Amino acid sequence: MMDKEYEEKAQKAQSGHRKSRKEAISWALVTLRICCGGRLPGEPSPDLVEELFKQQSSNWIMLGSQHIDNANWVCTNFFCTLLNEVAKPVQVENA
């Protein structure tokens, strides 16, 4: 295959959808060919590890923000429900 085909496959693989095991292996092999070129099989490749990590961690900020928002929503709803159950409104009579 040509380098352009590898790049297209790599971009498609980075689209953000959850990958099957077969897709993940294919994606890693495409990335290996792009960033390591002529290295021998089995030779250590820090460039490959760095590139795979960068691609996998690219959306961590968004995922972390979504998690914080979800946790905030759950906690707020829990405490509002708890307060409504425990601290029922009390009517005060004028003396």
N, C-alpha and C. Protein backbone atom coordinates (compact mmCIF):
# COMPACT_ATOMS: atom_id res chain seq x y z
N MET A 1 0.83 -1.20 0.00
CA MET A 1 0.00 0.00 0.00
C MET A 1 0.87 1.25 0.00
N MET A 2 0.29 2.32 -0.43
CA MET A 2 1.00 3.59 -0.48
C MET A 2 0.87 4.30 0.86
N ASP A 3 1.79 5.25 1.13
CA ASP A 3 1.74 6.00 2.38
C ASP A 3 0.43 6.75 2.54
N LYS A 4 -0.11 7.26 1.43
CA LYS A 4 -1.38 8.00 1.49
C LYS A 4 -2.51 7.10 1.99
N GLU A 5 -2.52 5.85 1.54
CA GLU A 5 -3.54 4.91 2.00
C GLU A 5 -3.42 4.65 3.49
N TYR A 6 -2.18 4.51 3.97
CA TYR A 6 -1.95 4.31 5.40
C TYR A 6 -2.47 5.50 6.20
N GLU A 7 -2.16 6.70 5.72
CA GLU A 7 -2.61 7.90 6.43
C GLU A 7 -4.13 7.99 6.48
N GLU A 8 -4.79 7.64 5.36
CA GLU A 8 -6.25 7.66 5.34
C GLU A 8 -6.83 6.65 6.33
N LYS A 9 -6.23 5.46 6.38
CA LYS A 9 -6.70 4.45 7.32
C LYS A 9 -6.47 4.90 8.77
N ALA A 10 -5.33 5.54 9.02
CA ALA A 10 -5.03 6.02 10.37
C ALA A 10 -6.02 7.09 10.78
N GLN A 11 -6.35 8.01 9.88
CA GLN A 11 -7.32 9.07 10.20
C GLN A 11 -8.69 8.48 10.46
N LYS A 12 -9.08 7.50 9.66
CA LYS A 12 -10.37 6.84 9.86
C LYS A 12 -10.41 6.14 11.21
N ALA A 13 -9.30 5.50 11.57
CA ALA A 13 -9.24 4.77 12.84
C ALA A 13 -9.29 5.71 14.03
N GLN A 14 -8.87 6.97 13.86
CA GLN A 14 -8.86 7.93 14.96
C GLN A 14 -10.20 8.63 15.12
N SER A 15 -11.21 8.23 14.38
CA SER A 15 -12.47 8.97 14.36
C SER A 15 -13.19 9.03 15.70
N GLY A 16 -12.74 8.28 16.71
CA GLY A 16 -13.31 8.41 18.03
C GLY A 16 -14.32 7.34 18.40
N HIS A 17 -14.68 6.46 17.47
CA HIS A 17 -15.63 5.40 17.84
C HIS A 17 -14.89 4.26 18.53
N ARG A 18 -15.61 3.51 19.29
CA ARG A 18 -15.02 2.37 20.00
C ARG A 18 -14.64 1.31 18.98
N LYS A 19 -13.43 0.79 19.12
CA LYS A 19 -12.91 -0.16 18.14
C LYS A 19 -13.02 -1.60 18.65
N SER A 20 -13.24 -2.49 17.70
CA SER A 20 -13.16 -3.91 18.05
C SER A 20 -11.68 -4.27 18.18
N ARG A 21 -11.41 -5.46 18.68
CA ARG A 21 -10.01 -5.90 18.82
C ARG A 21 -9.32 -5.90 17.46
N LYS A 22 -10.02 -6.41 16.44
CA LYS A 22 -9.45 -6.48 15.09
C LYS A 22 -9.16 -5.07 14.55
N GLU A 23 -10.09 -4.13 14.75
CA GLU A 23 -9.88 -2.76 14.30
C GLU A 23 -8.72 -2.11 15.04
N ALA A 24 -8.60 -2.38 16.34
CA ALA A 24 -7.52 -1.78 17.13
C ALA A 24 -6.16 -2.30 16.66
N ILE A 25 -6.08 -3.58 16.37
CA ILE A 25 -4.81 -4.15 15.88
C ILE A 25 -4.48 -3.56 14.52
N SER A 26 -5.47 -3.45 13.65
CA SER A 26 -5.26 -2.87 12.33
C SER A 26 -4.78 -1.42 12.46
N TRP A 27 -5.42 -0.66 13.35
CA TRP A 27 -5.03 0.74 13.59
C TRP A 27 -3.59 0.82 14.08
N ALA A 28 -3.20 -0.04 15.01
CA ALA A 28 -1.84 -0.03 15.53
C ALA A 28 -0.83 -0.39 14.44
N LEU A 29 -1.17 -1.34 13.58
CA LEU A 29 -0.27 -1.71 12.49
C LEU A 29 -0.11 -0.57 11.49
N VAL A 30 -1.21 0.12 11.17
CA VAL A 30 -1.13 1.27 10.27
C VAL A 30 -0.24 2.34 10.88
N THR A 31 -0.43 2.62 12.17
CA THR A 31 0.39 3.62 12.85
C THR A 31 1.85 3.18 12.88
N LEU A 32 2.09 1.90 13.09
CA LEU A 32 3.46 1.36 13.07
C LEU A 32 4.12 1.63 11.73
N ARG A 33 3.41 1.36 10.65
CA ARG A 33 3.98 1.58 9.31
C ARG A 33 4.24 3.04 9.04
N ILE A 34 3.36 3.92 9.53
CA ILE A 34 3.52 5.35 9.29
C ILE A 34 4.73 5.90 10.05
N CYS A 35 4.84 5.58 11.32
CA CYS A 35 5.86 6.26 12.13
C CYS A 35 7.17 5.51 12.24
N CYS A 36 7.20 4.24 11.90
CA CYS A 36 8.44 3.49 12.09
C CYS A 36 9.10 3.10 10.79
N GLY A 37 8.37 3.13 9.71
CA GLY A 37 8.96 2.87 8.41
C GLY A 37 9.79 1.62 8.33
N GLY A 38 11.12 1.78 8.28
CA GLY A 38 12.01 0.67 7.99
C GLY A 38 12.57 -0.08 9.18
N ARG A 39 12.01 0.08 10.36
CA ARG A 39 12.51 -0.67 11.52
C ARG A 39 12.24 -2.15 11.34
N LEU A 40 13.09 -2.94 11.95
CA LEU A 40 12.91 -4.39 11.90
C LEU A 40 11.80 -4.81 12.86
N PRO A 41 11.05 -5.84 12.49
CA PRO A 41 10.00 -6.33 13.40
C PRO A 41 10.61 -6.77 14.73
N GLY A 42 9.98 -6.41 15.81
CA GLY A 42 10.45 -6.78 17.14
C GLY A 42 11.43 -5.79 17.74
N GLU A 43 11.89 -4.84 16.94
CA GLU A 43 12.81 -3.82 17.45
C GLU A 43 12.02 -2.82 18.29
N PRO A 44 12.55 -2.39 19.45
CA PRO A 44 11.83 -1.41 20.27
C PRO A 44 11.53 -0.14 19.48
N SER A 45 10.36 0.41 19.72
CA SER A 45 9.94 1.59 18.96
C SER A 45 9.30 2.62 19.87
N PRO A 46 10.10 3.49 20.50
CA PRO A 46 9.52 4.52 21.35
C PRO A 46 8.65 5.50 20.56
N ASP A 47 8.96 5.70 19.29
CA ASP A 47 8.14 6.60 18.46
C ASP A 47 6.72 6.06 18.30
N LEU A 48 6.62 4.74 18.12
CA LEU A 48 5.30 4.12 17.98
C LEU A 48 4.51 4.25 19.28
N VAL A 49 5.14 3.97 20.40
CA VAL A 49 4.45 4.06 21.69
C VAL A 49 3.98 5.50 21.92
N GLU A 50 4.83 6.46 21.62
CA GLU A 50 4.45 7.88 21.80
C GLU A 50 3.27 8.24 20.90
N GLU A 51 3.30 7.83 19.64
CA GLU A 51 2.23 8.17 18.71
C GLU A 51 0.91 7.50 19.11
N LEU A 52 0.96 6.23 19.49
CA LEU A 52 -0.26 5.54 19.93
C LEU A 52 -0.84 6.20 21.18
N PHE A 53 0.03 6.58 22.12
CA PHE A 53 -0.44 7.24 23.34
C PHE A 53 -1.09 8.58 23.01
N LYS A 54 -0.45 9.37 22.16
CA LYS A 54 -1.02 10.68 21.79
C LYS A 54 -2.40 10.52 21.17
N GLN A 55 -2.53 9.55 20.26
CA GLN A 55 -3.81 9.36 19.60
C GLN A 55 -4.88 8.86 20.56
N GLN A 56 -4.51 7.95 21.45
CA GLN A 56 -5.48 7.39 22.38
C GLN A 56 -5.91 8.40 23.45
N SER A 57 -5.01 9.31 23.82
CA SER A 57 -5.31 10.25 24.90
C SER A 57 -5.81 11.59 24.40
N SER A 58 -6.01 11.74 23.10
CA SER A 58 -6.37 13.04 22.54
C SER A 58 -7.72 13.57 23.05
N ASN A 59 -8.64 12.71 23.42
CA ASN A 59 -9.94 13.20 23.87
C ASN A 59 -10.16 13.04 25.38
N TRP A 60 -9.08 12.85 26.15
CA TRP A 60 -9.22 12.68 27.60
C TRP A 60 -9.78 13.92 28.28
N ILE A 61 -9.44 15.11 27.80
CA ILE A 61 -9.95 16.33 28.42
C ILE A 61 -11.47 16.37 28.29
N MET A 62 -11.98 16.06 27.10
CA MET A 62 -13.43 16.06 26.88
C MET A 62 -14.10 14.99 27.75
N LEU A 63 -13.52 13.79 27.79
CA LEU A 63 -14.10 12.71 28.59
C LEU A 63 -14.09 13.06 30.08
N GLY A 64 -13.00 13.66 30.55
CA GLY A 64 -12.91 14.07 31.95
C GLY A 64 -13.94 15.13 32.29
N SER A 65 -14.12 16.10 31.40
CA SER A 65 -15.12 17.16 31.63
C SER A 65 -16.53 16.58 31.66
N GLN A 66 -16.82 15.66 30.75
CA GLN A 66 -18.14 15.02 30.75
C GLN A 66 -18.37 14.24 32.03
N HIS A 67 -17.35 13.55 32.50
CA HIS A 67 -17.48 12.78 33.73
C HIS A 67 -17.75 13.70 34.92
N ILE A 68 -17.03 14.81 35.01
CA ILE A 68 -17.24 15.77 36.10
C ILE A 68 -18.65 16.34 36.05
N ASP A 69 -19.11 16.70 34.85
CA ASP A 69 -20.47 17.22 34.70
C ASP A 69 -21.51 16.18 35.14
N ASN A 70 -21.32 14.92 34.72
CA ASN A 70 -22.26 13.86 35.11
C ASN A 70 -22.25 13.63 36.62
N ALA A 71 -21.06 13.59 37.22
CA ALA A 71 -20.96 13.39 38.66
C ALA A 71 -21.60 14.55 39.41
N ASN A 72 -21.40 15.76 38.93
CA ASN A 72 -22.01 16.95 39.55
C ASN A 72 -23.53 16.86 39.48
N TRP A 73 -24.07 16.46 38.34
CA TRP A 73 -25.51 16.35 38.17
C TRP A 73 -26.09 15.30 39.12
N VAL A 74 -25.44 14.13 39.22
CA VAL A 74 -25.91 13.05 40.09
C VAL A 74 -25.88 13.50 41.55
N CYS A 75 -24.78 14.11 41.97
CA CYS A 75 -24.66 14.56 43.37
C CYS A 75 -25.68 15.65 43.70
N THR A 76 -25.86 16.59 42.79
CA THR A 76 -26.83 17.67 43.02
C THR A 76 -28.24 17.10 43.17
N ASN A 77 -28.62 16.20 42.27
CA ASN A 77 -29.95 15.59 42.36
C ASN A 77 -30.11 14.77 43.64
N PHE A 78 -29.08 14.05 44.03
CA PHE A 78 -29.14 13.25 45.25
C PHE A 78 -29.35 14.15 46.46
N PHE A 79 -28.54 15.20 46.58
CA PHE A 79 -28.65 16.07 47.76
C PHE A 79 -29.95 16.86 47.78
N CYS A 80 -30.45 17.26 46.62
CA CYS A 80 -31.75 17.95 46.58
C CYS A 80 -32.86 17.01 47.04
N THR A 81 -32.84 15.78 46.56
CA THR A 81 -33.84 14.79 46.99
C THR A 81 -33.71 14.51 48.47
N LEU A 82 -32.49 14.34 48.94
CA LEU A 82 -32.24 14.07 50.36
C LEU A 82 -32.76 15.22 51.23
N LEU A 83 -32.43 16.44 50.86
CA LEU A 83 -32.89 17.59 51.65
C LEU A 83 -34.40 17.72 51.63
N ASN A 84 -35.02 17.44 50.49
CA ASN A 84 -36.49 17.51 50.42
C ASN A 84 -37.14 16.46 51.31
N GLU A 85 -36.52 15.31 51.47
CA GLU A 85 -37.07 14.25 52.30
C GLU A 85 -36.79 14.47 53.79
N VAL A 86 -35.61 14.92 54.11
CA VAL A 86 -35.21 15.07 55.51
C VAL A 86 -35.72 16.37 56.10
N ALA A 87 -35.64 17.43 55.37
CA ALA A 87 -36.02 18.75 55.88
C ALA A 87 -37.32 19.19 55.23
N LYS A 88 -38.40 18.56 55.64
CA LYS A 88 -39.71 18.95 55.12
C LYS A 88 -40.03 20.38 55.55
N PRO A 89 -40.72 21.12 54.71
CA PRO A 89 -41.06 22.50 55.08
C PRO A 89 -41.91 22.53 56.36
N VAL A 90 -41.62 23.45 57.23
CA VAL A 90 -42.32 23.59 58.50
C VAL A 90 -43.11 24.90 58.43
N GLN A 91 -44.38 24.80 58.82
CA GLN A 91 -45.17 26.03 58.87
C GLN A 91 -45.02 26.65 60.23
N VAL A 92 -44.76 27.92 60.25
CA VAL A 92 -44.58 28.63 61.52
C VAL A 92 -45.85 29.46 61.74
N GLU A 93 -46.41 29.29 62.96
CA GLU A 93 -47.61 30.06 63.31
C GLU A 93 -47.20 31.38 63.91
N ASN A 94 -47.96 32.40 63.59
CA ASN A 94 -47.69 33.72 64.20
C ASN A 94 -48.13 33.69 65.66
N ALA A 95 -47.29 34.15 66.52
CA ALA A 95 -47.61 34.16 67.95
C ALA A 95 -48.22 35.44 68.38
